[in-house]
Amino acid sequence: MSECHLTVELTDTGPVLHYRAERGAAERFADSARRQSLVHRVTIDSQVSVKMKPLPYQRLFLA
């Protein structure tokens, strides 16, 4: 499994959160958050760092 960088913006003026997550979990989290309008923006890229915190409750989004 490969990890990726997940950027979560809750509002257009709020804080930007950075997490690392397994690619599949990140994609499912992003889809779910967008579908439920829980976030302003979510992006996924390969700029992952071990210093980033893991996505909370990542196991809920793993297939």
PDB file of N, CA and C in Angstrom:
ATOM      1  N   MET A   1       0.835  -1.187   0.000  1.00  0.00           N
ATOM      2  CA  MET A   1       0.000   0.000   0.000  1.00  0.00           C
ATOM      3  C   MET A   1       0.878   1.247   0.000  1.00  0.00           C
ATOM      4  N   SER A   2       0.413   2.262  -0.700  1.00  0.00           N
ATOM      5  CA  SER A   2       1.190   3.498  -0.743  1.00  0.00           C
ATOM      6  C   SER A   2       0.442   4.614  -0.033  1.00  0.00           C
ATOM      7  N   GLU A   3       1.205   5.440   0.665  1.00  0.00           N
ATOM      8  CA  GLU A   3       0.609   6.562   1.367  1.00  0.00           C
ATOM      9  C   GLU A   3       0.636   7.805   0.486  1.00  0.00           C
ATOM     10  N   CYS A   4      -0.281   8.715   0.776  1.00  0.00           N
ATOM     11  CA  CYS A   4      -0.355   9.970   0.055  1.00  0.00           C
ATOM     12  C   CYS A   4      -0.610  11.103   1.040  1.00  0.00           C
ATOM     13  N   HIS A   5      -0.547  12.313   0.545  1.00  0.00           N
ATOM     14  CA  HIS A   5      -0.785  13.534   1.317  1.00  0.00           C
ATOM     15  C   HIS A   5      -2.211  13.981   1.066  1.00  0.00           C
ATOM     16  N   LEU A   6      -2.939  14.202   2.142  1.00  0.00           N
ATOM     17  CA  LEU A   6      -4.334  14.619   2.073  1.00  0.00           C
ATOM     18  C   LEU A   6      -4.427  16.007   2.691  1.00  0.00           C
ATOM     19  N   THR A   7      -4.888  16.990   1.917  1.00  0.00           N
ATOM     20  CA  THR A   7      -5.086  18.356   2.402  1.00  0.00           C
ATOM     21  C   THR A   7      -6.581  18.577   2.569  1.00  0.00           C
ATOM     22  N   VAL A   8      -6.972  19.000   3.772  1.00  0.00           N
ATOM     23  CA  VAL A   8      -8.383  19.194   4.082  1.00  0.00           C
ATOM     24  C   VAL A   8      -8.606  20.645   4.487  1.00  0.00           C
ATOM     25  N   GLU A   9      -9.454  21.339   3.735  1.00  0.00           N
ATOM     26  CA  GLU A   9      -9.839  22.714   4.061  1.00  0.00           C
ATOM     27  C   GLU A   9     -11.306  22.676   4.471  1.00  0.00           C
ATOM     28  N   LEU A  10     -11.575  22.963   5.739  1.00  0.00           N
ATOM     29  CA  LEU A  10     -12.944  22.883   6.235  1.00  0.00           C
ATOM     30  C   LEU A  10     -13.797  24.050   5.771  1.00  0.00           C
ATOM     31  N   THR A  11     -13.211  25.237   5.674  1.00  0.00           N
ATOM     32  CA  THR A  11     -13.900  26.419   5.149  1.00  0.00           C
ATOM     33  C   THR A  11     -12.915  27.164   4.260  1.00  0.00           C
ATOM     34  N   ASP A  12     -13.388  28.169   3.539  1.00  0.00           N
ATOM     35  CA  ASP A  12     -12.478  28.913   2.673  1.00  0.00           C
ATOM     36  C   ASP A  12     -11.554  29.842   3.456  1.00  0.00           C
ATOM     37  N   THR A  13     -11.855  30.091   4.733  1.00  0.00           N
ATOM     38  CA  THR A  13     -11.003  30.958   5.548  1.00  0.00           C
ATOM     39  C   THR A  13     -10.409  30.248   6.760  1.00  0.00           C
ATOM     40  N   GLY A  14     -10.783  29.008   6.961  1.00  0.00           N
ATOM     41  CA  GLY A  14     -10.345  28.269   8.138  1.00  0.00           C
ATOM     42  C   GLY A  14      -8.970  27.645   7.971  1.00  0.00           C
ATOM     43  N   PRO A  15      -8.552  26.885   8.958  1.00  0.00           N
ATOM     44  CA  PRO A  15      -7.239  26.245   8.898  1.00  0.00           C
ATOM     45  C   PRO A  15      -7.189  25.167   7.807  1.00  0.00           C
ATOM     46  N   VAL A  16      -5.994  24.895   7.352  1.00  0.00           N
ATOM     47  CA  VAL A  16      -5.757  23.827   6.380  1.00  0.00           C
ATOM     48  C   VAL A  16      -5.083  22.687   7.133  1.00  0.00           C
ATOM     49  N   LEU A  17      -5.658  21.512   7.046  1.00  0.00           N
ATOM     50  CA  LEU A  17      -5.140  20.342   7.750  1.00  0.00           C
ATOM     51  C   LEU A  17      -4.414  19.434   6.772  1.00  0.00           C
ATOM     52  N   HIS A  18      -3.298  18.874   7.216  1.00  0.00           N
ATOM     53  CA  HIS A  18      -2.496  17.987   6.372  1.00  0.00           C
ATOM     54  C   HIS A  18      -2.362  16.637   7.068  1.00  0.00           C
ATOM     55  N   TYR A  19      -2.688  15.575   6.336  1.00  0.00           N
ATOM     56  CA  TYR A  19      -2.601  14.221   6.865  1.00  0.00           C
ATOM     57  C   TYR A  19      -1.911  13.320   5.862  1.00  0.00           C
ATOM     58  N   ARG A  20      -1.432  12.193   6.347  1.00  0.00           N
ATOM     59  CA  ARG A  20      -0.964  11.125   5.465  1.00  0.00           C
ATOM     60  C   ARG A  20      -1.944   9.977   5.608  1.00  0.00           C
ATOM     61  N   ALA A  21      -2.187   9.294   4.515  1.00  0.00           N
ATOM     62  CA  ALA A  21      -3.155   8.191   4.525  1.00  0.00           C
ATOM     63  C   ALA A  21      -2.874   7.248   3.370  1.00  0.00           C
ATOM     64  N   GLU A  22      -3.343   6.022   3.514  1.00  0.00           N
ATOM     65  CA  GLU A  22      -3.286   5.092   2.399  1.00  0.00           C
ATOM     66  C   GLU A  22      -4.132   5.676   1.272  1.00  0.00           C
ATOM     67  N   ARG A  23      -3.696   5.538   0.040  1.00  0.00           N
ATOM     68  CA  ARG A  23      -4.361   6.159  -1.108  1.00  0.00           C
ATOM     69  C   ARG A  23      -5.858   5.824  -1.159  1.00  0.00           C
ATOM     70  N   GLY A  24      -6.221   4.574  -0.994  1.00  0.00           N
ATOM     71  CA  GLY A  24      -7.630   4.191  -1.062  1.00  0.00           C
ATOM     72  C   GLY A  24      -8.461   4.850   0.029  1.00  0.00           C
ATOM     73  N   ALA A  25      -7.930   4.894   1.240  1.00  0.00           N
ATOM     74  CA  ALA A  25      -8.637   5.531   2.349  1.00  0.00           C
ATOM     75  C   ALA A  25      -8.786   7.026   2.091  1.00  0.00           C
ATOM     76  N   ALA A  26      -7.749   7.659   1.568  1.00  0.00           N
ATOM     77  CA  ALA A  26      -7.796   9.099   1.272  1.00  0.00           C
ATOM     78  C   ALA A  26      -8.869   9.396   0.222  1.00  0.00           C
ATOM     79  N   GLU A  27      -8.928   8.576  -0.813  1.00  0.00           N
ATOM     80  CA  GLU A  27      -9.922   8.789  -1.872  1.00  0.00           C
ATOM     81  C   GLU A  27     -11.338   8.597  -1.349  1.00  0.00           C
ATOM     82  N   ARG A  28     -11.560   7.565  -0.528  1.00  0.00           N
ATOM     83  CA  ARG A  28     -12.898   7.338   0.023  1.00  0.00           C
ATOM     84  C   ARG A  28     -13.287   8.439   1.007  1.00  0.00           C
ATOM     85  N   PHE A  29     -12.331   8.898   1.829  1.00  0.00           N
ATOM     86  CA  PHE A  29     -12.609  10.010   2.740  1.00  0.00           C
ATOM     87  C   PHE A  29     -12.989  11.254   1.946  1.00  0.00           C
ATOM     88  N   ALA A  30     -12.200  11.585   0.918  1.00  0.00           N
ATOM     89  CA  ALA A  30     -12.454  12.774   0.107  1.00  0.00           C
ATOM     90  C   ALA A  30     -13.823  12.698  -0.562  1.00  0.00           C
ATOM     91  N   ASP A  31     -14.159  11.561  -1.147  1.00  0.00           N
ATOM     92  CA  ASP A  31     -15.464  11.391  -1.797  1.00  0.00           C
ATOM     93  C   ASP A  31     -16.597  11.588  -0.797  1.00  0.00           C
ATOM     94  N   SER A  32     -16.465  10.978   0.364  1.00  0.00           N
ATOM     95  CA  SER A  32     -17.507  11.068   1.382  1.00  0.00           C
ATOM     96  C   SER A  32     -17.655  12.496   1.916  1.00  0.00           C
ATOM     97  N   ALA A  33     -16.533  13.147   2.195  1.00  0.00           N
ATOM     98  CA  ALA A  33     -16.564  14.519   2.723  1.00  0.00           C
ATOM     99  C   ALA A  33     -17.180  15.483   1.708  1.00  0.00           C
ATOM    100  N   ARG A  34     -16.846  15.301   0.429  1.00  0.00           N
ATOM    101  CA  ARG A  34     -17.423  16.164  -0.618  1.00  0.00           C
ATOM    102  C   ARG A  34     -18.917  15.904  -0.776  1.00  0.00           C
ATOM    103  N   ARG A  35     -19.290  14.639  -0.814  1.00  0.00           N
ATOM    104  CA  ARG A  35     -20.693  14.271  -1.018  1.00  0.00           C
ATOM    105  C   ARG A  35     -21.582  14.823   0.103  1.00  0.00           C
ATOM    106  N   GLN A  36     -21.053  14.854   1.321  1.00  0.00           N
ATOM    107  CA  GLN A  36     -21.828  15.336   2.464  1.00  0.00           C
ATOM    108  C   GLN A  36     -21.619  16.828   2.731  1.00  0.00           C
ATOM    109  N   SER A  37     -20.862  17.479   1.866  1.00  0.00           N
ATOM    110  CA  SER A  37     -20.569  18.916   2.001  1.00  0.00           C
ATOM    111  C   SER A  37     -19.962  19.259   3.356  1.00  0.00           C
ATOM    112  N   LEU A  38     -19.039  18.412   3.823  1.00  0.00           N
ATOM    113  CA  LEU A  38     -18.385  18.627   5.113  1.00  0.00           C
ATOM    114  C   LEU A  38     -17.136  19.491   5.010  1.00  0.00           C
ATOM    115  N   VAL A  39     -16.656  19.684   3.796  1.00  0.00           N
ATOM    116  CA  VAL A  39     -15.407  20.415   3.592  1.00  0.00           C
ATOM    117  C   VAL A  39     -15.556  21.443   2.481  1.00  0.00           C
ATOM    118  N   HIS A  40     -14.675  22.425   2.515  1.00  0.00           N
ATOM    119  CA  HIS A  40     -14.607  23.395   1.421  1.00  0.00           C
ATOM    120  C   HIS A  40     -13.839  22.774   0.251  1.00  0.00           C
ATOM    121  N   ARG A  41     -12.714  22.114   0.587  1.00  0.00           N
ATOM    122  CA  ARG A  41     -11.875  21.507  -0.450  1.00  0.00           C
ATOM    123  C   ARG A  41     -11.052  20.377   0.169  1.00  0.00           C
ATOM    124  N   VAL A  42     -10.862  19.318  -0.612  1.00  0.00           N
ATOM    125  CA  VAL A  42      -9.983  18.211  -0.234  1.00  0.00           C
ATOM    126  C   VAL A  42      -9.123  17.891  -1.444  1.00  0.00           C
ATOM    127  N   THR A  43      -7.823  17.805  -1.242  1.00  0.00           N
ATOM    128  CA  THR A  43      -6.937  17.418  -2.342  1.00  0.00           C
ATOM    129  C   THR A  43      -6.033  16.276  -1.893  1.00  0.00           C
ATOM    130  N   ILE A  44      -5.610  15.496  -2.866  1.00  0.00           N
ATOM    131  CA  ILE A  44      -4.727  14.359  -2.619  1.00  0.00           C
ATOM    132  C   ILE A  44      -3.549  14.486  -3.572  1.00  0.00           C
ATOM    133  N   ASP A  45      -2.347  14.345  -3.025  1.00  0.00           N
ATOM    134  CA  ASP A  45      -1.152  14.355  -3.877  1.00  0.00           C
ATOM    135  C   ASP A  45      -0.098  13.423  -3.295  1.00  0.00           C
ATOM    136  N   SER A  46       1.045  13.377  -3.917  1.00  0.00           N
ATOM    137  CA  SER A  46       2.105  12.452  -3.495  1.00  0.00           C
ATOM    138  C   SER A  46       3.150  13.101  -2.599  1.00  0.00           C
ATOM    139  N   GLN A  47       2.916  14.313  -2.148  1.00  0.00           N
ATOM    140  CA  GLN A  47       3.897  15.034  -1.319  1.00  0.00           C
ATOM    141  C   GLN A  47       3.756  14.648   0.156  1.00  0.00           C
ATOM    142  N   VAL A  48       3.830  13.369   0.441  1.00  0.00           N
ATOM    143  CA  VAL A  48       3.633  12.840   1.790  1.00  0.00           C
ATOM    144  C   VAL A  48       4.934  12.895   2.586  1.00  0.00           C
ATOM    145  N   SER A  49       4.796  13.096   3.883  1.00  0.00           N
ATOM    146  CA  SER A  49       5.940  13.126   4.796  1.00  0.00           C
ATOM    147  C   SER A  49       5.589  12.307   6.034  1.00  0.00           C
ATOM    148  N   VAL A  50       6.558  11.617   6.589  1.00  0.00           N
ATOM    149  CA  VAL A  50       6.310  10.836   7.802  1.00  0.00           C
ATOM    150  C   VAL A  50       6.037  11.757   8.994  1.00  0.00           C
ATOM    151  N   LYS A  51       6.345  13.037   8.860  1.00  0.00           N
ATOM    152  CA  LYS A  51       6.074  14.002   9.929  1.00  0.00           C
ATOM    153  C   LYS A  51       4.595  14.367  10.011  1.00  0.00           C
ATOM    154  N   MET A  52       3.834  14.096   8.950  1.00  0.00           N
ATOM    155  CA  MET A  52       2.397  14.380   8.943  1.00  0.00           C
ATOM    156  C   MET A  52       1.678  13.375   9.834  1.00  0.00           C
ATOM    157  N   LYS A  53       0.635  13.839  10.491  1.00  0.00           N
ATOM    158  CA  LYS A  53      -0.181  12.939  11.300  1.00  0.00           C
ATOM    159  C   LYS A  53      -1.008  12.060  10.374  1.00  0.00           C
ATOM    160  N   PRO A  54      -1.266  10.815  10.799  1.00  0.00           N
ATOM    161  CA  PRO A  54      -2.134   9.966   9.987  1.00  0.00           C
ATOM    162  C   PRO A  54      -3.571  10.467  10.025  1.00  0.00           C
ATOM    163  N   LEU A  55      -4.311  10.212   8.966  1.00  0.00           N
ATOM    164  CA  LEU A  55      -5.721  10.572   8.905  1.00  0.00           C
ATOM    165  C   LEU A  55      -6.435   9.899  10.069  1.00  0.00           C
ATOM    166  N   PRO A  56      -7.128  10.675  10.917  1.00  0.00           N
ATOM    167  CA  PRO A  56      -7.845  10.072  12.046  1.00  0.00           C
ATOM    168  C   PRO A  56      -8.877   9.047  11.565  1.00  0.00           C
ATOM    169  N   TYR A  57      -8.957   7.944  12.247  1.00  0.00           N
ATOM    170  CA  TYR A  57      -9.912   6.877  11.948  1.00  0.00           C
ATOM    171  C   TYR A  57      -9.795   6.382  10.516  1.00  0.00           C
ATOM    172  N   GLN A  58      -8.583   6.362  10.006  1.00  0.00           N
ATOM    173  CA  GLN A  58      -8.333   5.931   8.641  1.00  0.00           C
ATOM    174  C   GLN A  58      -8.925   4.543   8.359  1.00  0.00           C
ATOM    175  N   ARG A  59      -8.902   3.685   9.347  1.00  0.00           N
ATOM    176  CA  ARG A  59      -9.387   2.311   9.135  1.00  0.00           C
ATOM    177  C   ARG A  59     -10.849   2.271   8.691  1.00  0.00           C
ATOM    178  N   LEU A  60     -11.621   3.311   9.017  1.00  0.00           N
ATOM    179  CA  LEU A  60     -13.020   3.345   8.596  1.00  0.00           C
ATOM    180  C   LEU A  60     -13.164   3.518   7.087  1.00  0.00           C
ATOM    181  N   PHE A  61     -12.104   4.018   6.448  1.00  0.00           N
ATOM    182  CA  PHE A  61     -12.159   4.283   5.006  1.00  0.00           C
ATOM    183  C   PHE A  61     -11.367   3.277   4.192  1.00  0.00           C
ATOM    184  N   LEU A  62     -10.781   2.284   4.865  1.00  0.00           N
ATOM    185  CA  LEU A  62     -10.054   1.244   4.140  1.00  0.00           C
ATOM    186  C   LEU A  62     -11.035   0.184   3.653  1.00  0.00           C
ATOM    187  N   ALA A  63     -10.810  -0.295   2.449  1.00  0.00           N
ATOM    188  CA  ALA A  63     -11.718  -1.311   1.876  1.00  0.00           C
ATOM    189  C   ALA A  63     -11.325  -2.689   2.329  1.00  0.00           C
TER     190      ALA A  63
END
